[in-house]
Protein backbone atom coordinates (compact mmCIF):
# COMPACT_ATOMS: atom_id res chain seq x y z
CA MET A 1 0.18 -0.20 0.04
CA GLN A 2 1.26 3.60 -1.04
CA MET A 3 0.52 6.27 1.24
CA MET A 4 0.30 9.74 -0.77
CA ALA A 5 -0.23 13.58 0.93
CA GLY A 6 -1.96 12.47 4.38
CA ARG A 7 -4.16 9.98 2.48
CA ALA A 8 -4.30 6.26 1.52
CA LYS A 9 -3.77 5.32 -1.73
CA VAL A 10 -5.45 1.75 -1.78
CA LYS A 11 -5.63 0.24 -5.48
CA THR A 12 -8.82 -1.24 -6.64
CA ASP A 13 -7.60 -4.73 -6.20
CA GLU A 14 -6.19 -4.14 -2.78
CA ARG A 15 -9.76 -3.30 -1.62
CA GLY A 16 -11.23 -5.61 1.07
CA HIS A 17 -14.53 -6.18 2.18
CA THR A 18 -16.59 -3.88 4.86
CA LYS A 19 -16.58 -4.56 8.34
CA ARG A 20 -19.47 -3.71 10.35
CA PHE A 21 -19.28 -2.64 14.09
CA VAL A 22 -22.88 -3.03 15.53
CA PHE A 23 -22.78 -0.41 18.73
CA LEU A 24 -24.93 -1.31 21.60
CA LEU A 25 -25.65 1.68 23.17
CA LEU A 26 -26.89 1.14 27.03
CA GLU A 27 -29.34 3.82 28.61
CA ARG A 28 -27.05 7.03 29.34
CA PHE A 29 -23.53 5.79 27.66
CA THR A 30 -20.74 7.89 27.69
CA MET A 31 -20.55 10.22 24.68
CA ILE A 32 -17.00 10.76 24.50
CA SER A 33 -16.12 6.98 24.63
CA PHE A 34 -18.64 6.26 21.56
CA ALA A 35 -17.23 8.93 19.83
CA GLY A 36 -13.76 7.87 20.43
CA ALA A 37 -14.81 4.74 18.75
CA ILE A 38 -17.14 5.64 15.76
CA GLU A 39 -14.74 8.67 14.45
CA PRO A 40 -11.40 6.89 13.77
CA LEU A 41 -13.80 4.38 11.40
CA ARG A 42 -15.32 7.20 9.55
CA ILE A 43 -11.84 8.86 9.07
CA ALA A 44 -10.44 5.92 8.07
CA ASN A 45 -12.73 5.15 5.19
CA ARG A 46 -12.02 8.80 3.96
CA MET A 47 -8.60 8.22 3.78
CA LEU A 48 -8.58 4.98 2.61
CA GLY A 49 -11.13 6.04 0.04
CA TYR A 50 -13.86 3.08 0.49
CA PRO A 51 -16.06 1.82 3.02
CA ALA A 52 -14.01 -0.24 4.79
CA TYR A 53 -15.78 0.35 7.78
CA ALA A 54 -19.57 0.37 8.28
CA TRP A 55 -21.79 0.63 11.57
CA THR A 56 -25.08 0.43 12.86
CA PHE A 57 -26.69 1.62 15.89
CA ALA A 58 -28.82 -1.00 17.95
CA GLY A 59 -30.20 -0.97 21.18
CA GLU A 60 -32.88 -2.90 23.91
CA ASN A 61 -36.16 -0.66 22.43
CA GLY A 62 -35.03 -0.24 18.89
CA ARG A 63 -36.11 3.22 18.60
CA GLU A 64 -33.69 5.92 20.40
CA VAL A 65 -31.48 6.07 23.19
CA ALA A 66 -30.27 8.62 25.57
CA CYS A 67 -26.57 9.73 26.32
CA SER A 68 -25.10 10.65 30.05
CA ASN A 69 -25.27 14.35 28.66
CA GLY A 70 -28.97 14.05 27.83
CA ALA A 71 -28.36 13.97 23.49
CA THR A 72 -30.69 11.18 22.62
CA PHE A 73 -29.46 8.95 19.45
CA LYS A 74 -31.86 7.28 17.17
CA LEU A 75 -31.06 3.17 17.10
CA ASP A 76 -31.09 1.52 13.48
CA MET A 77 -32.21 -1.85 15.05
CA GLY A 78 -33.32 -3.75 18.43
CA LEU A 79 -31.91 -6.41 19.79
CA GLN A 80 -32.11 -8.81 16.70
CA ASP A 81 -29.76 -11.35 15.13
CA VAL A 82 -26.16 -10.09 13.41
CA GLU A 83 -23.82 -11.47 11.12
CA ARG A 84 -21.32 -13.72 12.80
CA GLU A 85 -18.83 -11.51 10.82
CA ASP A 86 -19.61 -8.22 12.84
CA THR A 87 -18.07 -7.23 15.87
CA ILE A 88 -20.53 -5.62 18.97
CA LEU A 89 -19.27 -2.85 20.86
CA VAL A 90 -21.36 -2.40 24.25
CA CYS A 91 -21.24 1.30 24.72
CA GLY A 92 -21.64 1.88 28.54
CA GLY A 93 -21.82 5.30 31.22
CA ILE A 94 -23.43 6.00 34.14
CA ASP A 95 -25.45 3.66 36.09
CA VAL A 96 -24.67 0.63 33.96
CA GLN A 97 -26.16 -1.71 36.26
CA ALA A 98 -29.53 -0.46 35.90
CA ALA A 99 -28.67 -0.61 32.17
CA THR A 100 -27.44 -4.02 31.76
CA THR A 101 -31.18 -5.90 31.67
CA LYS A 102 -31.71 -9.28 31.17
CA PRO A 103 -32.94 -8.86 27.28
CA VAL A 104 -29.45 -7.05 27.18
CA LEU A 105 -28.05 -10.01 28.96
CA ASN A 106 -29.60 -12.62 27.16
CA TRP A 107 -28.69 -10.93 23.53
CA LEU A 108 -25.31 -10.63 24.45
CA ARG A 109 -24.97 -14.52 25.58
CA ARG A 110 -26.57 -15.65 22.18
CA GLU A 111 -24.37 -13.16 19.78
CA ALA A 112 -21.39 -14.44 21.76
CA ARG A 113 -22.35 -18.12 20.98
CA GLN A 114 -22.48 -17.41 17.65
CA GLY A 115 -18.67 -16.27 17.63
CA VAL A 116 -19.18 -12.85 17.35
CA VAL A 117 -16.34 -10.75 18.69
CA VAL A 118 -17.86 -8.53 21.39
CA GLY A 119 -15.90 -5.54 22.90
CA GLY A 120 -17.05 -2.94 26.10
CA ILE A 121 -16.68 0.91 25.46
CA CYS A 122 -16.41 2.59 28.95
CA THR A 123 -18.43 0.80 31.41
CA GLY A 124 -19.66 -1.84 28.54
CA GLY A 125 -17.37 -4.13 30.01
CA TYR A 126 -19.41 -4.38 33.02
CA ALA A 127 -22.47 -5.89 30.88
CA MET A 128 -19.81 -8.18 29.36
CA ALA A 129 -18.99 -9.57 32.47
CA ARG A 130 -22.32 -9.74 33.95
CA ALA A 131 -23.21 -12.28 30.61
CA GLY A 132 -20.12 -14.12 31.43
CA LEU A 133 -18.35 -13.35 28.44
CA LEU A 134 -14.83 -12.31 30.69
CA ASP A 135 -14.73 -15.19 32.84
CA GLY A 136 -11.11 -16.06 32.59
CA LYS A 137 -10.24 -13.08 30.69
CA ARG A 138 -7.93 -9.91 30.78
CA ALA A 139 -10.03 -7.35 31.13
CA THR A 140 -10.37 -3.70 32.13
CA ILE A 141 -12.77 -0.93 32.80
CA HIS A 142 -12.89 2.92 34.20
CA TRP A 143 -10.75 2.87 37.11
CA GLU A 144 -13.79 4.38 39.19
CA ASN A 145 -15.67 1.25 38.63
CA GLN A 146 -12.49 -1.02 39.48
CA ASP A 147 -13.23 -1.40 43.19
CA SER A 148 -16.49 -2.63 42.81
CA PHE A 149 -15.80 -4.86 39.37
CA ILE A 150 -13.35 -6.79 41.51
CA GLU A 151 -15.79 -7.52 44.25
CA GLU A 152 -18.74 -8.99 42.10
CA PHE A 153 -16.33 -10.45 39.32
CA GLU A 154 -13.66 -12.53 40.73
CA ASP A 155 -13.42 -15.01 37.90
CA VAL A 156 -12.34 -11.71 35.28
CA ARG A 157 -8.49 -11.06 35.48
CA LEU A 158 -8.74 -7.18 35.38
CA THR A 159 -5.84 -4.93 34.91
CA LYS A 160 -5.43 -1.29 34.79
CA SER A 161 -4.42 -1.15 30.94
CA VAL A 162 -5.76 1.57 29.11
CA PHE A 163 -7.44 -1.23 26.71
CA VAL A 164 -7.23 -4.73 26.27
CA ILE A 165 -7.67 -7.30 23.77
CA ASP A 166 -8.09 -11.31 24.81
CA GLY A 167 -8.94 -12.87 22.11
CA ASN A 168 -12.31 -12.29 20.81
CA ARG A 169 -13.23 -9.78 23.51
CA MET A 170 -11.81 -6.34 23.71
CA THR A 171 -12.79 -3.82 26.83
CA THR A 172 -11.53 -0.42 27.31
CA ALA A 173 -11.39 2.30 30.43
CA GLY A 174 -13.51 5.00 29.32
CA GLY A 175 -12.84 8.22 27.65
CA THR A 176 -10.36 8.60 25.14
CA SER A 177 -9.30 5.06 25.57
CA SER A 178 -11.63 4.06 22.86
CA LEU A 179 -9.64 5.91 20.35
CA ASP A 180 -6.54 3.70 21.10
CA LEU A 181 -8.41 0.33 20.49
CA MET A 182 -9.95 1.68 17.21
CA LEU A 183 -6.50 2.46 16.55
CA ARG A 184 -4.69 -0.65 17.36
CA ILE A 185 -7.72 -2.38 15.46
CA ILE A 186 -6.96 -0.30 12.15
CA ALA A 187 -3.35 -0.63 12.38
CA GLN A 188 -3.89 -4.37 12.71
CA GLU A 189 -6.49 -4.40 9.48
CA HIS A 190 -4.95 -1.83 7.09
CA GLY A 191 -1.57 -1.31 8.54
CA GLU A 192 0.57 1.27 11.05
CA ASP A 193 0.71 4.01 8.07
CA VAL A 194 -2.99 3.98 8.23
CA ALA A 195 -3.39 4.34 11.69
CA ASN A 196 -1.16 6.95 12.02
CA ILE A 197 -2.65 9.16 9.59
CA VAL A 198 -6.28 8.53 11.18
CA ALA A 199 -4.36 9.61 14.56
CA ASP A 200 -3.19 12.74 12.90
CA GLN A 201 -6.36 13.79 11.63
CA LEU A 202 -7.76 13.48 14.78
CA ILE A 203 -4.68 15.56 16.28
CA TYR A 204 -3.69 12.71 18.35
CA SER A 205 -0.18 12.86 19.25
CA THR A 206 0.37 10.73 21.89
CA VAL A 207 -1.35 6.78 21.01
CA ARG A 208 -1.33 4.54 23.86
CA THR A 209 -1.21 0.68 23.69
CA ASP A 210 -2.61 -1.78 25.61
CA GLN A 211 0.68 -1.93 28.01
CA ASP A 212 -0.42 1.80 29.27
CA THR A 213 -2.48 2.35 32.58
CA GLN A 214 -5.22 4.49 33.00
CA ARG A 215 -4.52 6.72 35.70
CA LEU A 216 -1.83 9.01 36.03
CA SER A 217 1.52 7.89 37.96
CA ILE A 218 1.34 8.67 41.84
CA PRO A 219 3.39 11.95 41.56
CA THR A 220 1.50 13.33 39.04
CA ARG A 221 -1.48 12.86 40.72
CA ILE A 222 -0.65 13.96 44.20
CA GLY A 223 1.53 16.87 42.48
CA VAL A 224 4.48 15.71 44.74
CA ARG A 225 7.68 13.90 43.45
CA HIS A 226 9.04 11.98 46.40
CA PRO A 227 10.12 8.38 45.46
CA LYS A 228 9.64 7.38 49.12
CA LEU A 229 6.21 9.42 49.33
CA SER A 230 5.01 7.89 46.46
CA GLN A 231 6.33 4.46 47.56
CA VAL A 232 3.98 4.41 50.62
CA ILE A 233 0.90 5.64 48.87
CA GLN A 234 1.27 2.69 46.70
CA ILE A 235 1.48 0.26 49.49
CA MET A 236 -1.89 1.75 50.98
CA GLU A 237 -4.03 1.79 47.83
CA ALA A 238 -2.56 -1.76 47.39
CA ASN A 239 -3.61 -2.74 51.21
CA VAL A 240 -7.24 -1.14 51.49
CA GLU A 241 -8.82 -4.21 52.94
CA ASP A 242 -6.11 -4.94 55.62
CA PRO A 243 -4.44 -1.59 56.48
CA ILE A 244 -0.64 -1.47 57.37
CA SER A 245 0.34 0.70 60.39
CA PRO A 246 2.38 3.84 59.96
CA ALA A 247 4.91 2.03 61.99
CA LEU A 248 5.03 -0.36 59.74
CA LEU A 249 4.70 1.41 56.22
CA ALA A 250 7.63 3.52 57.48
CA THR A 251 10.11 0.30 58.27
CA ASP A 252 8.78 -0.58 54.38
CA VAL A 253 10.63 2.47 53.30
CA GLY A 254 13.51 2.67 55.17
CA MET A 255 12.36 5.77 57.56
CA SER A 256 11.39 6.05 61.05
CA THR A 257 7.53 6.74 62.12
CA ARG A 258 8.18 10.20 62.78
CA GLN A 259 10.14 11.21 59.56
CA LEU A 260 6.78 9.68 57.62
CA GLU A 261 4.44 11.94 59.45
CA ARG A 262 6.78 15.00 58.70
CA LEU A 263 6.55 13.47 54.98
CA PHE A 264 2.99 13.48 55.12
CA ARG A 265 2.62 16.99 57.12
CA ARG A 266 5.01 18.30 54.54
CA TYR A 267 3.48 17.31 50.72
CA LEU A 268 -0.13 16.75 51.72
CA ASN A 269 -0.92 18.48 54.99
CA ARG A 270 -2.82 15.79 56.49
CA SER A 271 -0.72 12.61 58.66
CA PRO A 272 -0.58 9.46 57.10
CA LYS A 273 -3.40 7.65 59.05
CA ARG A 274 -5.49 10.26 57.75
CA TYR A 275 -4.36 9.96 54.27
CA TYR A 276 -4.99 6.04 54.33
CA MET A 277 -8.08 6.99 56.02
CA GLU A 278 -9.44 9.11 52.80
CA LEU A 279 -8.61 6.09 50.62
CA ARG A 280 -10.33 3.86 52.38
CA LEU A 281 -13.42 6.33 52.71
CA GLN A 282 -13.18 6.66 48.94
CA LYS A 283 -13.30 3.46 48.26
CA ALA A 284 -16.16 2.69 50.45
CA ARG A 285 -17.93 5.22 48.67
CA ASN A 286 -17.35 3.77 45.16
CA LEU A 287 -18.76 0.38 46.50
CA LEU A 288 -21.93 1.81 48.28
CA MET A 289 -23.08 3.91 44.66
CA GLN A 290 -22.02 0.95 42.41
CA THR A 291 -22.94 -2.06 43.56
CA ASP A 292 -25.48 -3.65 45.96
CA MET A 293 -23.11 -5.06 48.04
CA SER A 294 -24.60 -4.60 52.02
CA VAL A 295 -22.58 -1.55 54.17
CA ILE A 296 -21.29 -4.26 56.56
CA ASN A 297 -19.48 -6.03 53.27
CA VAL A 298 -18.59 -2.59 52.40
CA ALA A 299 -17.08 -1.89 55.75
CA LEU A 300 -14.80 -5.07 55.68
CA ALA A 301 -14.05 -4.75 52.23
CA CYS A 302 -12.55 -1.57 53.28
CA GLY A 303 -10.73 -2.54 56.40
CA PHE A 304 -13.35 -1.25 59.19
CA ALA A 305 -13.37 -4.42 61.98
CA SER A 306 -17.23 -2.87 62.79
CA PRO A 307 -20.03 -1.41 61.33
CA SER A 308 -20.30 1.61 64.06
CA HIS A 309 -17.06 2.85 63.43
CA PHE A 310 -17.24 2.85 59.45
CA SER A 311 -20.37 4.87 59.68
CA LYS A 312 -18.88 7.40 62.43
CA CYS A 313 -15.58 7.96 60.44
CA TYR A 314 -17.75 8.20 56.76
CA ARG A 315 -20.18 10.56 58.15
CA ALA A 316 -17.13 12.75 59.71
CA HIS A 317 -15.84 12.55 56.50
CA TYR A 318 -18.94 12.89 54.19
CA GLN A 319 -21.24 14.40 56.23
CA THR A 320 -23.81 11.93 55.74
CA THR A 321 -24.02 7.88 56.95
CA PRO A 322 -23.60 5.17 54.63
CA TYR A 323 -26.63 4.00 55.19
CA ARG A 324 -28.45 7.26 53.91
CA GLU A 325 -25.71 7.49 50.92
CA ARG A 326 -27.09 4.19 49.74
CA GLY A 327 -30.62 4.88 50.32
CA THR A 328 -30.20 8.52 48.10
CA LEU A 329 -29.49 6.00 45.25
CA GLY A 330 -32.65 3.60 46.00
CA LYS A 331 -30.42 1.09 46.75
CA PRO A 332 -31.47 -1.18 50.15
CA ALA A 333 -29.49 -0.41 52.91
CA VAL A 334 -28.98 -4.03 54.58
CA PRO A 335 -27.96 -3.69 57.76
CA ALA A 336 -26.06 -6.81 59.30
CA ARG A 337 -24.24 -7.64 62.51
CA LEU A 338 -20.60 -8.04 62.30
CA SER A 339 -18.78 -11.03 63.94
CA ILE A 340 -15.45 -10.46 64.86
């Protein structure tokens, strides 16, 4: 294939068949992730000079669906059979649990049994996991949903990658990561040169691979470049369910407890204990908002020995109790007695 003036020059006899993507648009799907998946296909067609890609929009009611910013999309089809050569991309977004209905699950399972390739965009990986399509597979999902995903789907090998391709299953982490996935697909099917031209058209100068992680590094996230502080925070994030004492954290990085206290006070204006507590409470809030786990199980998953202590800490930080937080979301608050 020859390249010329920002466009792929394709000989007539090199033109292949048209590959179709079926976008399953779940209620309140995320527009940026959807656009990041469909726009590279449109641009690839323009650059190649023929319809290498086609797409159609599917949804449960077959008429229209609203995304998370309120815009509505007209659908081309309901949950009818697709061709085996098609690729289904499940586009999720806010409150994906409610959008993952029984008809959606049945459709995904049926099409997967026919050998259709299935991918998840943003939180679309949740619907795939609920359908059992990711069991034993590597996958990814938006970092905000990772805590709840791990609790619910133990058979999925969750990663923090921007996107993952594992056999005939694909998942992305949300945001602009769908761009990276589609550029990878275009590169595999039409070559790196075509993918690079598409990226240039999108003014997308830093194309990521499946080896890139979705969140900023700890130093970038906290705005501090101190190796030992970053190391301690990394240990904290990896040990939320079983918190480690400040004394042991200090020993792990080769400093005294007093030095560790000074380090946190200087750079983060809080004690190590306070910072650790905030990490645990943030995870607890994610689990309360994104899962049906009982409040007591959320407490256990975040390292709290009793529901009363959990409730006290949660209220002090968020000015509401875990039960009220769960109640505002329309989820049942399930009190339970903790045996310790």
